[in-house]
Each structure stands twice: as structure tokens, then as C-alpha cells.
Amino acid sequence: MEKSDAAKLAKILNILVLIAFVCNLVALPLVPGLVGIASEGGLRYFSDFVSQDNASAGAPTAVTLFFMVCWQFLWRIWRTPHTAAIAAFLMFCGVCTAIILWQAKRVLGTIRKGNPFCRDNARSLKRAAVCCLVVALVALVRTVWAVVFYRSVIPLFTYNTLFVPLFLMGFLLCMVMSALFRQAAELKEENDLTI
């Protein structure tokens, strides 16, 4: 039996979601280090760190140094509230994004098997919707906190503000899709009983 176009597309999307999921999991432990590097002056700090170590013979590669610097900041960033808040926010969003991607992988898996209209898909989409809503609310709280704390509108022009409508739309889309998949699963179950 030949696979449908939806199953073929789901196979490609499943690969892309899996790649994004793995990249997310690889990036999560690096978040504290990246926040630490950014708080110390960004790439200038990292390039100074690399140039100091390259003077010695047998110096490690830039990639190895990058991971070493990230590991160094893993504990240091929690000392200041500002860097701790940024790192915690980004790690929380990263975990929620990993959950969303995993739920998408589950939905695509049922589509590939030729059984898209099942209750599992409705539950997976509802879990993804909850994660989207949580990220949107946390981003909203962080944006409002930054506006009040800095007494400026500049935080309104950051990625945090972009997260709010983006993840709210994701929440609404996932909730609608969840309801549609649930209703389709109920109709399918009724049809299976009547035949």
C-alpha cells in the first residue's frame, strides 16, 4: 500500500522536528554559559579568553574553549539576580519548547502510521497548548517586570515581547487543533461502531 501525501510530508516534518528537538536539548545546558558570556561583554570576552589560551602550545580548539567557558559560567551566573533571571527564563522556555517539539513528534508519528484521528493527538496538542500558554505568560511577566524595574519602554522592543503574541497564537492554534482532532476521533469511533 502506497503512503499518502500526508504521511510522506509527516515523515519529512518528523525529521525536522527531531533535529530541532536534539538541537534544543544540546543548547539547553549551554544557556547559562551564553548568558554569562553576554553579561561579561559578549563575543569580545570570549575572543579575549581564546587569544589568552592560544599563546600556549597545544591550546584547545575554539569549540572546546567555548564549552569550557560555558561550563565556567554554569555556577557563576546564579550569583547576580539579573543574569540568574535571564538564564532561568531561557532555560524554562527551552524546556517548554522541548515538550512542544516532543508532542509534535508524537502527532506526526500517528499521521505517519495512517491513524491521525485518535484521542492521543488531541491530548498531545493540548499539552503543547498548555506549554505555549505558560511561555507566553512567563514572557509577559518578564516584560512587565523589566519595564517596571528599568523604568523604560526599551524592554518592549526585545525578544520577550515577541514571545507573548507568538506563543499565544501557538496556544490558540494548538487548542483549536486539539478540539478538531478530538471531535474527529469521536466521529471515527462512532463510524467504526456502526460498520
N, C-alpha and C. Protein backbone atom coordinates (compact mmCIF):
# COMPACT_ATOMS: atom_id res chain seq x y z
N MET A 1 0.84 -1.18 0.00
CA MET A 1 0.00 0.00 0.00
C MET A 1 0.89 1.25 0.00
N GLU A 2 0.60 2.15 -0.92
CA GLU A 2 1.39 3.37 -1.05
C GLU A 2 1.00 4.37 0.03
N LYS A 3 2.01 5.05 0.54
CA LYS A 3 1.75 6.04 1.59
C LYS A 3 1.08 7.27 0.99
N SER A 4 0.23 7.89 1.78
CA SER A 4 -0.45 9.10 1.33
C SER A 4 0.51 10.28 1.34
N ASP A 5 0.09 11.35 0.69
CA ASP A 5 0.92 12.56 0.68
C ASP A 5 1.11 13.11 2.09
N ALA A 6 0.07 12.99 2.91
CA ALA A 6 0.17 13.47 4.30
C ALA A 6 1.21 12.67 5.07
N ALA A 7 1.26 11.36 4.84
CA ALA A 7 2.24 10.52 5.53
C ALA A 7 3.66 10.85 5.07
N LYS A 8 3.82 11.12 3.78
CA LYS A 8 5.15 11.49 3.27
C LYS A 8 5.60 12.83 3.86
N LEU A 9 4.69 13.78 3.88
CA LEU A 9 5.01 15.08 4.46
C LEU A 9 5.28 14.96 5.95
N ALA A 10 4.51 14.12 6.63
CA ALA A 10 4.72 13.91 8.07
C ALA A 10 6.09 13.30 8.34
N LYS A 11 6.56 12.45 7.44
CA LYS A 11 7.88 11.85 7.61
C LYS A 11 8.97 12.92 7.55
N ILE A 12 8.86 13.83 6.58
CA ILE A 12 9.84 14.92 6.45
C ILE A 12 9.76 15.85 7.66
N LEU A 13 8.55 16.22 8.04
CA LEU A 13 8.38 17.09 9.21
C LEU A 13 8.87 16.43 10.48
N ASN A 14 8.69 15.13 10.59
CA ASN A 14 9.15 14.39 11.76
C ASN A 14 10.67 14.48 11.88
N ILE A 15 11.36 14.38 10.75
CA ILE A 15 12.83 14.51 10.75
C ILE A 15 13.23 15.91 11.19
N LEU A 16 12.56 16.92 10.65
CA LEU A 16 12.88 18.31 11.01
C LEU A 16 12.59 18.59 12.49
N VAL A 17 11.48 18.07 12.99
CA VAL A 17 11.14 18.26 14.41
C VAL A 17 12.17 17.55 15.29
N LEU A 18 12.59 16.36 14.87
CA LEU A 18 13.59 15.63 15.65
C LEU A 18 14.92 16.38 15.69
N ILE A 19 15.32 16.97 14.56
CA ILE A 19 16.55 17.77 14.52
C ILE A 19 16.43 18.98 15.45
N ALA A 20 15.28 19.67 15.39
CA ALA A 20 15.07 20.83 16.27
C ALA A 20 15.07 20.40 17.73
N PHE A 21 14.48 19.25 18.03
CA PHE A 21 14.43 18.74 19.40
C PHE A 21 15.83 18.45 19.92
N VAL A 22 16.64 17.78 19.11
CA VAL A 22 18.02 17.46 19.52
C VAL A 22 18.83 18.74 19.71
N CYS A 23 18.70 19.69 18.78
CA CYS A 23 19.41 20.97 18.92
C CYS A 23 18.98 21.70 20.19
N ASN A 24 17.70 21.64 20.51
CA ASN A 24 17.19 22.25 21.73
C ASN A 24 17.83 21.61 22.95
N LEU A 25 17.89 20.28 22.97
CA LEU A 25 18.49 19.58 24.12
C LEU A 25 19.98 19.86 24.24
N VAL A 26 20.67 20.02 23.10
CA VAL A 26 22.10 20.34 23.14
C VAL A 26 22.30 21.77 23.65
N ALA A 27 21.42 22.68 23.24
CA ALA A 27 21.58 24.09 23.61
C ALA A 27 21.21 24.38 25.06
N LEU A 28 20.29 23.60 25.62
CA LEU A 28 19.83 23.89 26.99
C LEU A 28 20.95 23.97 28.02
N PRO A 29 21.89 23.02 28.06
CA PRO A 29 22.96 23.15 29.06
C PRO A 29 23.91 24.32 28.80
N LEU A 30 23.90 24.84 27.56
CA LEU A 30 24.79 25.95 27.23
C LEU A 30 24.20 27.31 27.59
N VAL A 31 22.91 27.35 27.91
CA VAL A 31 22.24 28.63 28.18
C VAL A 31 22.93 29.42 29.28
N PRO A 32 23.22 28.83 30.45
CA PRO A 32 23.88 29.63 31.48
C PRO A 32 25.22 30.20 31.02
N GLY A 33 25.97 29.42 30.27
CA GLY A 33 27.25 29.91 29.77
C GLY A 33 27.09 31.05 28.79
N LEU A 34 26.11 30.94 27.91
CA LEU A 34 25.87 32.01 26.94
C LEU A 34 25.40 33.28 27.63
N VAL A 35 24.57 33.14 28.65
CA VAL A 35 24.13 34.31 29.42
C VAL A 35 25.33 34.93 30.13
N GLY A 36 26.19 34.08 30.69
CA GLY A 36 27.40 34.58 31.36
C GLY A 36 28.33 35.30 30.42
N ILE A 37 28.54 34.73 29.24
CA ILE A 37 29.39 35.38 28.24
C ILE A 37 28.79 36.72 27.84
N ALA A 38 27.47 36.76 27.63
CA ALA A 38 26.82 38.02 27.26
C ALA A 38 26.94 39.05 28.37
N SER A 39 26.84 38.63 29.62
CA SER A 39 26.93 39.58 30.73
C SER A 39 28.34 40.11 30.92
N GLU A 40 29.34 39.39 30.43
CA GLU A 40 30.74 39.83 30.57
C GLU A 40 31.23 40.63 29.36
N GLY A 41 30.38 40.88 28.40
CA GLY A 41 30.81 41.66 27.25
C GLY A 41 30.65 40.94 25.93
N GLY A 42 30.02 39.80 25.93
CA GLY A 42 29.71 39.10 24.70
C GLY A 42 30.90 38.44 24.04
N LEU A 43 30.93 38.51 22.73
CA LEU A 43 31.98 37.83 21.96
C LEU A 43 33.36 38.42 22.23
N ARG A 44 33.42 39.68 22.61
CA ARG A 44 34.71 40.29 22.92
C ARG A 44 35.36 39.55 24.10
N TYR A 45 34.56 39.23 25.12
CA TYR A 45 35.07 38.48 26.26
C TYR A 45 35.57 37.11 25.82
N PHE A 46 34.78 36.44 24.98
CA PHE A 46 35.15 35.10 24.53
C PHE A 46 36.40 35.15 23.66
N SER A 47 36.50 36.14 22.76
CA SER A 47 37.69 36.23 21.90
C SER A 47 38.94 36.56 22.72
N ASP A 48 38.80 37.39 23.76
CA ASP A 48 39.94 37.65 24.64
C ASP A 48 40.35 36.38 25.37
N PHE A 49 39.38 35.62 25.81
CA PHE A 49 39.64 34.36 26.51
C PHE A 49 40.36 33.38 25.59
N VAL A 50 39.92 33.31 24.34
CA VAL A 50 40.53 32.39 23.36
C VAL A 50 41.95 32.83 23.04
N SER A 51 42.16 34.14 22.84
CA SER A 51 43.50 34.62 22.48
C SER A 51 44.49 34.43 23.63
N GLN A 52 44.05 34.49 24.87
CA GLN A 52 44.94 34.26 26.01
C GLN A 52 45.41 32.81 26.04
N ASP A 53 44.51 31.89 25.74
CA ASP A 53 44.86 30.47 25.82
C ASP A 53 45.61 29.98 24.58
N ASN A 54 45.47 30.67 23.46
CA ASN A 54 46.16 30.23 22.24
C ASN A 54 47.65 30.50 22.29
N ALA A 55 48.09 31.29 23.24
CA ALA A 55 49.52 31.58 23.34
C ALA A 55 50.30 30.34 23.76
N SER A 56 49.66 29.45 24.49
CA SER A 56 50.37 28.25 24.96
C SER A 56 50.36 27.17 23.89
N ALA A 57 51.36 26.31 23.96
CA ALA A 57 51.45 25.21 22.99
C ALA A 57 50.37 24.18 23.29
N GLY A 58 49.84 23.60 22.24
CA GLY A 58 48.81 22.58 22.41
C GLY A 58 47.51 23.14 22.94
N ALA A 59 47.19 24.37 22.54
CA ALA A 59 45.97 25.01 23.03
C ALA A 59 44.74 24.30 22.47
N PRO A 60 43.67 24.24 23.26
CA PRO A 60 42.44 23.60 22.78
C PRO A 60 41.79 24.42 21.67
N THR A 61 40.94 23.79 20.92
CA THR A 61 40.26 24.47 19.82
C THR A 61 39.25 25.47 20.39
N ALA A 62 38.76 26.34 19.51
CA ALA A 62 37.79 27.36 19.92
C ALA A 62 36.50 26.71 20.42
N VAL A 63 36.10 25.60 19.80
CA VAL A 63 34.88 24.92 20.23
C VAL A 63 35.05 24.38 21.65
N THR A 64 36.19 23.76 21.90
CA THR A 64 36.47 23.23 23.25
C THR A 64 36.48 24.37 24.26
N LEU A 65 37.11 25.48 23.89
CA LEU A 65 37.14 26.63 24.79
C LEU A 65 35.74 27.19 25.04
N PHE A 66 34.93 27.19 23.99
CA PHE A 66 33.56 27.67 24.15
C PHE A 66 32.82 26.84 25.20
N PHE A 67 32.93 25.51 25.10
CA PHE A 67 32.27 24.66 26.09
C PHE A 67 32.88 24.84 27.48
N MET A 68 34.18 25.07 27.55
CA MET A 68 34.82 25.31 28.84
C MET A 68 34.31 26.60 29.47
N VAL A 69 34.19 27.65 28.65
CA VAL A 69 33.70 28.94 29.16
C VAL A 69 32.25 28.80 29.61
N CYS A 70 31.44 28.09 28.82
CA CYS A 70 30.04 27.87 29.22
C CYS A 70 29.97 27.12 30.54
N TRP A 71 30.83 26.12 30.71
CA TRP A 71 30.85 25.35 31.96
C TRP A 71 31.28 26.23 33.13
N GLN A 72 32.24 27.12 32.86
CA GLN A 72 32.73 28.03 33.90
C GLN A 72 31.60 28.93 34.41
N PHE A 73 30.75 29.38 33.50
CA PHE A 73 29.66 30.28 33.89
C PHE A 73 28.46 29.55 34.47
N LEU A 74 28.44 28.23 34.37
CA LEU A 74 27.29 27.46 34.84
C LEU A 74 26.95 27.80 36.29
N TRP A 75 27.97 28.00 37.11
CA TRP A 75 27.73 28.30 38.53
C TRP A 75 27.79 29.79 38.82
N ARG A 76 28.59 30.53 38.06
CA ARG A 76 28.79 31.95 38.35
C ARG A 76 27.57 32.81 38.08
N ILE A 77 26.77 32.47 37.10
CA ILE A 77 25.66 33.36 36.73
C ILE A 77 24.58 33.43 37.78
N TRP A 78 24.49 32.45 38.65
CA TRP A 78 23.43 32.44 39.66
C TRP A 78 23.72 33.41 40.80
N ARG A 79 24.89 34.04 40.79
CA ARG A 79 25.25 34.97 41.87
C ARG A 79 24.55 36.32 41.74
N THR A 80 24.30 36.76 40.51
CA THR A 80 23.64 38.06 40.32
C THR A 80 22.19 37.82 39.88
N PRO A 81 21.26 38.58 40.43
CA PRO A 81 19.84 38.34 40.11
C PRO A 81 19.50 38.54 38.64
N HIS A 82 20.16 39.52 38.00
CA HIS A 82 19.84 39.81 36.60
C HIS A 82 20.18 38.63 35.70
N THR A 83 21.41 38.13 35.80
CA THR A 83 21.81 37.01 34.94
C THR A 83 21.07 35.73 35.32
N ALA A 84 20.79 35.56 36.60
CA ALA A 84 20.03 34.38 37.03
C ALA A 84 18.62 34.40 36.44
N ALA A 85 17.99 35.58 36.43
CA ALA A 85 16.63 35.68 35.88
C ALA A 85 16.63 35.39 34.38
N ILE A 86 17.60 35.93 33.67
CA ILE A 86 17.67 35.67 32.22
C ILE A 86 17.90 34.19 31.95
N ALA A 87 18.86 33.60 32.65
CA ALA A 87 19.17 32.18 32.43
C ALA A 87 17.98 31.30 32.79
N ALA A 88 17.33 31.58 33.91
CA ALA A 88 16.17 30.77 34.32
C ALA A 88 15.03 30.90 33.31
N PHE A 89 14.79 32.13 32.83
CA PHE A 89 13.74 32.34 31.83
C PHE A 89 14.04 31.56 30.56
N LEU A 90 15.26 31.68 30.06
CA LEU A 90 15.62 30.99 28.81
C LEU A 90 15.59 29.48 28.97
N MET A 91 16.06 28.98 30.11
CA MET A 91 16.03 27.53 30.32
C MET A 91 14.58 27.03 30.45
N PHE A 92 13.74 27.79 31.14
CA PHE A 92 12.33 27.41 31.26
C PHE A 92 11.67 27.37 29.89
N CYS A 93 11.91 28.41 29.08
CA CYS A 93 11.34 28.43 27.72
C CYS A 93 11.90 27.28 26.88
N GLY A 94 13.18 26.96 27.07
CA GLY A 94 13.78 25.85 26.34
C GLY A 94 13.15 24.51 26.70
N VAL A 95 12.85 24.31 27.98
CA VAL A 95 12.20 23.06 28.40
C VAL A 95 10.79 22.99 27.83
N CYS A 96 10.05 24.10 27.89
CA CYS A 96 8.70 24.11 27.32
C CYS A 96 8.74 23.87 25.81
N THR A 97 9.72 24.44 25.13
CA THR A 97 9.86 24.22 23.70
C THR A 97 10.18 22.76 23.40
N ALA A 98 11.01 22.14 24.23
CA ALA A 98 11.31 20.72 24.04
C ALA A 98 10.04 19.88 24.19
N ILE A 99 9.20 20.22 25.15
CA ILE A 99 7.94 19.49 25.33
C ILE A 99 7.03 19.69 24.12
N ILE A 100 6.95 20.91 23.62
CA ILE A 100 6.13 21.19 22.44
C ILE A 100 6.63 20.38 21.24
N LEU A 101 7.94 20.36 21.03
CA LEU A 101 8.50 19.60 19.91
C LEU A 101 8.25 18.10 20.07
N TRP A 102 8.35 17.58 21.29
CA TRP A 102 8.10 16.16 21.51
C TRP A 102 6.63 15.82 21.22
N GLN A 103 5.71 16.70 21.61
CA GLN A 103 4.30 16.47 21.33
C GLN A 103 4.04 16.51 19.82
N ALA A 104 4.72 17.42 19.12
CA ALA A 104 4.59 17.48 17.66
C ALA A 104 5.10 16.19 17.03
N LYS A 105 6.20 15.66 17.56
CA LYS A 105 6.75 14.40 17.06
C LYS A 105 5.75 13.27 17.25
N ARG A 106 5.06 13.25 18.38
CA ARG A 106 4.05 12.21 18.63
C ARG A 106 2.89 12.31 17.65
N VAL A 107 2.42 13.54 17.39
CA VAL A 107 1.32 13.73 16.45
C VAL A 107 1.75 13.30 15.05
N LEU A 108 2.94 13.70 14.64
CA LEU A 108 3.43 13.31 13.31
C LEU A 108 3.61 11.80 13.20
N GLY A 109 3.96 11.16 14.31
CA GLY A 109 4.11 9.70 14.30
C GLY A 109 2.79 9.00 14.00
N THR A 110 1.69 9.49 14.58
CA THR A 110 0.39 8.86 14.30
C THR A 110 -0.06 9.15 12.88
N ILE A 111 0.29 10.31 12.35
CA ILE A 111 -0.05 10.62 10.97
C ILE A 111 0.72 9.70 10.02
N ARG A 112 1.98 9.46 10.33
CA ARG A 112 2.78 8.54 9.50
C ARG A 112 2.22 7.13 9.52
N LYS A 113 1.67 6.71 10.65
CA LYS A 113 1.09 5.36 10.75
C LYS A 113 -0.27 5.26 10.06
N GLY A 114 -0.81 6.40 9.64
CA GLY A 114 -2.11 6.39 8.96
C GLY A 114 -3.29 6.45 9.90
N ASN A 115 -3.07 6.85 11.14
CA ASN A 115 -4.15 6.95 12.13
C ASN A 115 -4.12 8.33 12.79
N PRO A 116 -4.38 9.40 12.02
CA PRO A 116 -4.26 10.74 12.60
C PRO A 116 -5.39 11.11 13.55
N PHE A 117 -6.56 10.52 13.35
CA PHE A 117 -7.71 10.92 14.15
C PHE A 117 -7.88 10.00 15.35
N CYS A 118 -7.02 10.24 16.34
CA CYS A 118 -7.09 9.47 17.58
C CYS A 118 -7.03 10.45 18.76
N ARG A 119 -7.46 9.97 19.89
CA ARG A 119 -7.51 10.82 21.08
C ARG A 119 -6.11 11.20 21.58
N ASP A 120 -5.12 10.38 21.28
CA ASP A 120 -3.74 10.71 21.68
C ASP A 120 -3.28 12.02 21.06
N ASN A 121 -3.67 12.25 19.79
CA ASN A 121 -3.28 13.50 19.14
C ASN A 121 -3.94 14.70 19.82
N ALA A 122 -5.18 14.54 20.22
CA ALA A 122 -5.87 15.64 20.92
C ALA A 122 -5.16 15.94 22.24
N ARG A 123 -4.76 14.90 22.96
CA ARG A 123 -4.06 15.12 24.23
C ARG A 123 -2.68 15.75 24.00
N SER A 124 -1.97 15.28 22.98
CA SER A 124 -0.65 15.85 22.69
C SER A 124 -0.75 17.32 22.33
N LEU A 125 -1.73 17.67 21.52
CA LEU A 125 -1.90 19.07 21.14
C LEU A 125 -2.32 19.92 22.33
N LYS A 126 -3.09 19.35 23.24
CA LYS A 126 -3.48 20.10 24.44
C LYS A 126 -2.26 20.36 25.33
N ARG A 127 -1.38 19.36 25.46
CA ARG A 127 -0.14 19.56 26.24
C ARG A 127 0.71 20.65 25.61
N ALA A 128 0.83 20.63 24.28
CA ALA A 128 1.60 21.66 23.58
C ALA A 128 0.96 23.03 23.80
N ALA A 129 -0.37 23.09 23.79
CA ALA A 129 -1.07 24.36 24.01
C ALA A 129 -0.78 24.90 25.40
N VAL A 130 -0.81 24.03 26.40
CA VAL A 130 -0.52 24.48 27.77
C VAL A 130 0.90 25.04 27.86
N CYS A 131 1.85 24.36 27.23
CA CYS A 131 3.24 24.86 27.25
C CYS A 131 3.35 26.21 26.55
N CYS A 132 2.63 26.37 25.43
CA CYS A 132 2.64 27.67 24.74
C CYS A 132 2.08 28.77 25.63
N LEU A 133 0.98 28.47 26.31
CA LEU A 133 0.37 29.47 27.20
C LEU A 133 1.31 29.83 28.35
N VAL A 134 1.96 28.84 28.92
CA VAL A 134 2.88 29.09 30.04
C VAL A 134 4.04 29.98 29.58
N VAL A 135 4.61 29.68 28.41
CA VAL A 135 5.71 30.51 27.90
C VAL A 135 5.23 31.94 27.66
N ALA A 136 4.04 32.09 27.07
CA ALA A 136 3.52 33.44 26.82
C ALA A 136 3.31 34.21 28.11
N LEU A 137 2.77 33.56 29.13
CA LEU A 137 2.54 34.24 30.41
C LEU A 137 3.85 34.60 31.11
N VAL A 138 4.80 33.68 31.09
CA VAL A 138 6.10 33.96 31.72
C VAL A 138 6.81 35.10 30.98
N ALA A 139 6.72 35.11 29.65
CA ALA A 139 7.33 36.20 28.88
C ALA A 139 6.64 37.52 29.17
N LEU A 140 5.33 37.50 29.33
CA LEU A 140 4.60 38.72 29.68
C LEU A 140 5.02 39.24 31.04
N VAL A 141 5.11 38.34 32.02
CA VAL A 141 5.54 38.74 33.37
C VAL A 141 6.95 39.31 33.31
N ARG A 142 7.83 38.66 32.57
CA ARG A 142 9.22 39.15 32.49
C ARG A 142 9.28 40.51 31.80
N THR A 143 8.48 40.72 30.77
CA THR A 143 8.47 42.01 30.08
C THR A 143 7.93 43.12 30.99
N VAL A 144 6.83 42.85 31.69
CA VAL A 144 6.27 43.85 32.61
C VAL A 144 7.26 44.14 33.72
N TRP A 145 7.90 43.10 34.26
CA TRP A 145 8.90 43.30 35.31
C TRP A 145 10.04 44.19 34.81
N ALA A 146 10.51 43.94 33.58
CA ALA A 146 11.62 44.72 33.04
C ALA A 146 11.22 46.18 32.83
N VAL A 147 9.99 46.41 32.36
CA VAL A 147 9.53 47.80 32.17
C VAL A 147 9.48 48.52 33.51
N VAL A 148 8.98 47.86 34.54
CA VAL A 148 8.89 48.48 35.87
C VAL A 148 10.28 48.63 36.48
N PHE A 149 11.10 47.61 36.39
CA PHE A 149 12.42 47.63 37.02
C PHE A 149 13.33 48.68 36.40
N TYR A 150 13.36 48.74 35.06
CA TYR A 150 14.25 49.69 34.38
C TYR A 150 13.59 51.05 34.17
N ARG A 151 12.30 51.16 34.44
CA ARG A 151 11.55 52.41 34.25
C ARG A 151 11.77 52.95 32.84
N SER A 152 11.58 52.07 31.89
CA SER A 152 11.82 52.41 30.49
C SER A 152 10.94 51.53 29.62
N VAL A 153 10.68 51.99 28.40
CA VAL A 153 9.92 51.18 27.45
C VAL A 153 10.83 50.32 26.58
N ILE A 154 12.11 50.43 26.75
CA ILE A 154 13.06 49.67 25.93
C ILE A 154 12.82 48.16 26.01
N PRO A 155 12.47 47.58 27.17
CA PRO A 155 12.19 46.13 27.19
C PRO A 155 11.03 45.70 26.29
N LEU A 156 10.20 46.65 25.86
CA LEU A 156 9.12 46.30 24.94
C LEU A 156 9.63 45.96 23.55
N PHE A 157 10.89 46.26 23.28
CA PHE A 157 11.48 46.01 21.97
C PHE A 157 12.47 44.85 22.01
N THR A 158 12.22 43.87 22.86
CA THR A 158 13.11 42.71 22.98
C THR A 158 12.37 41.45 22.56
N TYR A 159 13.12 40.35 22.53
CA TYR A 159 12.53 39.06 22.14
C TYR A 159 11.44 38.62 23.12
N ASN A 160 11.51 39.06 24.38
CA ASN A 160 10.48 38.68 25.35
C ASN A 160 9.10 39.13 24.90
N THR A 161 9.03 40.35 24.40
CA THR A 161 7.77 40.89 23.94
C THR A 161 7.27 40.13 22.73
N LEU A 162 8.18 39.68 21.89
CA LEU A 162 7.80 38.89 20.72
C LEU A 162 7.25 37.53 21.12
N PHE A 163 7.76 36.97 22.21
CA PHE A 163 7.29 35.66 22.68
C PHE A 163 5.81 35.68 23.04
N VAL A 164 5.32 36.81 23.56
CA VAL A 164 3.94 36.86 24.07
C VAL A 164 2.92 36.59 22.96
N PRO A 165 2.85 37.40 21.88
CA PRO A 165 1.84 37.09 20.85
C PRO A 165 2.15 35.81 20.08
N LEU A 166 3.43 35.51 19.89
CA LEU A 166 3.80 34.32 19.15
C LEU A 166 3.31 33.05 19.85
N PHE A 167 3.59 32.94 21.13
CA PHE A 167 3.17 31.74 21.86
C PHE A 167 1.68 31.76 22.19
N LEU A 168 1.06 32.94 22.28
CA LEU A 168 -0.40 32.98 22.44
C LEU A 168 -1.09 32.45 21.19
N MET A 169 -0.56 32.82 20.01
CA MET A 169 -1.12 32.27 18.77
C MET A 169 -0.89 30.77 18.70
N GLY A 170 0.28 30.31 19.15
CA GLY A 170 0.54 28.88 19.20
C GLY A 170 -0.43 28.18 20.13
N PHE A 171 -0.73 28.81 21.27
CA PHE A 171 -1.70 28.25 22.22
C PHE A 171 -3.07 28.11 21.57
N LEU A 172 -3.54 29.19 20.93
CA LEU A 172 -4.86 29.14 20.31
C LEU A 172 -4.91 28.12 19.18
N LEU A 173 -3.88 28.08 18.36
CA LEU A 173 -3.83 27.13 17.26
C LEU A 173 -3.84 25.69 17.77
N CYS A 174 -3.04 25.41 18.77
CA CYS A 174 -2.99 24.05 19.33
C CYS A 174 -4.31 23.67 20.00
N MET A 175 -4.97 24.62 20.66
CA MET A 175 -6.26 24.32 21.29
C MET A 175 -7.33 24.01 20.23
N VAL A 176 -7.35 24.80 19.15
CA VAL A 176 -8.31 24.55 18.07
C VAL A 176 -8.03 23.20 17.42
N MET A 177 -6.76 22.93 17.13
CA MET A 177 -6.40 21.64 16.52
C MET A 177 -6.72 20.48 17.46
N SER A 178 -6.51 20.67 18.75
CA SER A 178 -6.83 19.63 19.73
C SER A 178 -8.32 19.31 19.71
N ALA A 179 -9.14 20.36 19.69
CA ALA A 179 -10.59 20.16 19.64
C ALA A 179 -11.01 19.47 18.35
N LEU A 180 -10.39 19.86 17.23
CA LEU A 180 -10.72 19.23 15.95
C LEU A 180 -10.32 17.75 15.94
N PHE A 181 -9.13 17.45 16.43
CA PHE A 181 -8.68 16.05 16.46
C PHE A 181 -9.55 15.22 17.41
N ARG A 182 -9.96 15.80 18.53
CA ARG A 182 -10.82 15.08 19.47
C ARG A 182 -12.17 14.79 18.83
N GLN A 183 -12.73 15.80 18.17
CA GLN A 183 -14.03 15.62 17.51
C GLN A 183 -13.93 14.61 16.37
N ALA A 184 -12.86 14.66 15.61
CA ALA A 184 -12.66 13.70 14.52
C ALA A 184 -12.49 12.29 15.07
N ALA A 185 -11.80 12.15 16.19
CA ALA A 185 -11.63 10.83 16.81
C ALA A 185 -12.96 10.28 17.28
N GLU A 186 -13.81 11.15 17.85
CA GLU A 186 -15.13 10.71 18.28
C GLU A 186 -15.98 10.26 17.10
N LEU A 187 -15.94 11.03 16.00
CA LEU A 187 -16.69 10.65 14.80
C LEU A 187 -16.18 9.33 14.23
N LYS A 188 -14.88 9.16 14.23
CA LYS A 188 -14.28 7.93 13.72
C LYS A 188 -14.70 6.74 14.57
N GLU A 189 -14.71 6.90 15.89
CA GLU A 189 -15.14 5.82 16.78
C GLU A 189 -16.60 5.47 16.55
N GLU A 190 -17.45 6.49 16.32
CA GLU A 190 -18.86 6.22 16.03
C GLU A 190 -19.01 5.47 14.72
N ASN A 191 -18.26 5.89 13.70
CA ASN A 191 -18.32 5.20 12.41
C ASN A 191 -17.84 3.77 12.52
N ASP A 192 -16.79 3.54 13.29
CA ASP A 192 -16.27 2.18 13.46
C ASP A 192 -17.29 1.28 14.14
N LEU A 193 -18.10 1.84 15.04
CA LEU A 193 -19.11 1.05 15.74
C LEU A 193 -20.31 0.73 14.85
N THR A 194 -20.65 1.64 13.93
CA THR A 194 -21.82 1.42 13.08
C THR A 194 -21.54 0.48 11.92
N ILE A 195 -20.31 0.34 11.53
CA ILE A 195 -19.98 -0.52 10.37
C ILE A 195 -19.81 -1.95 10.78
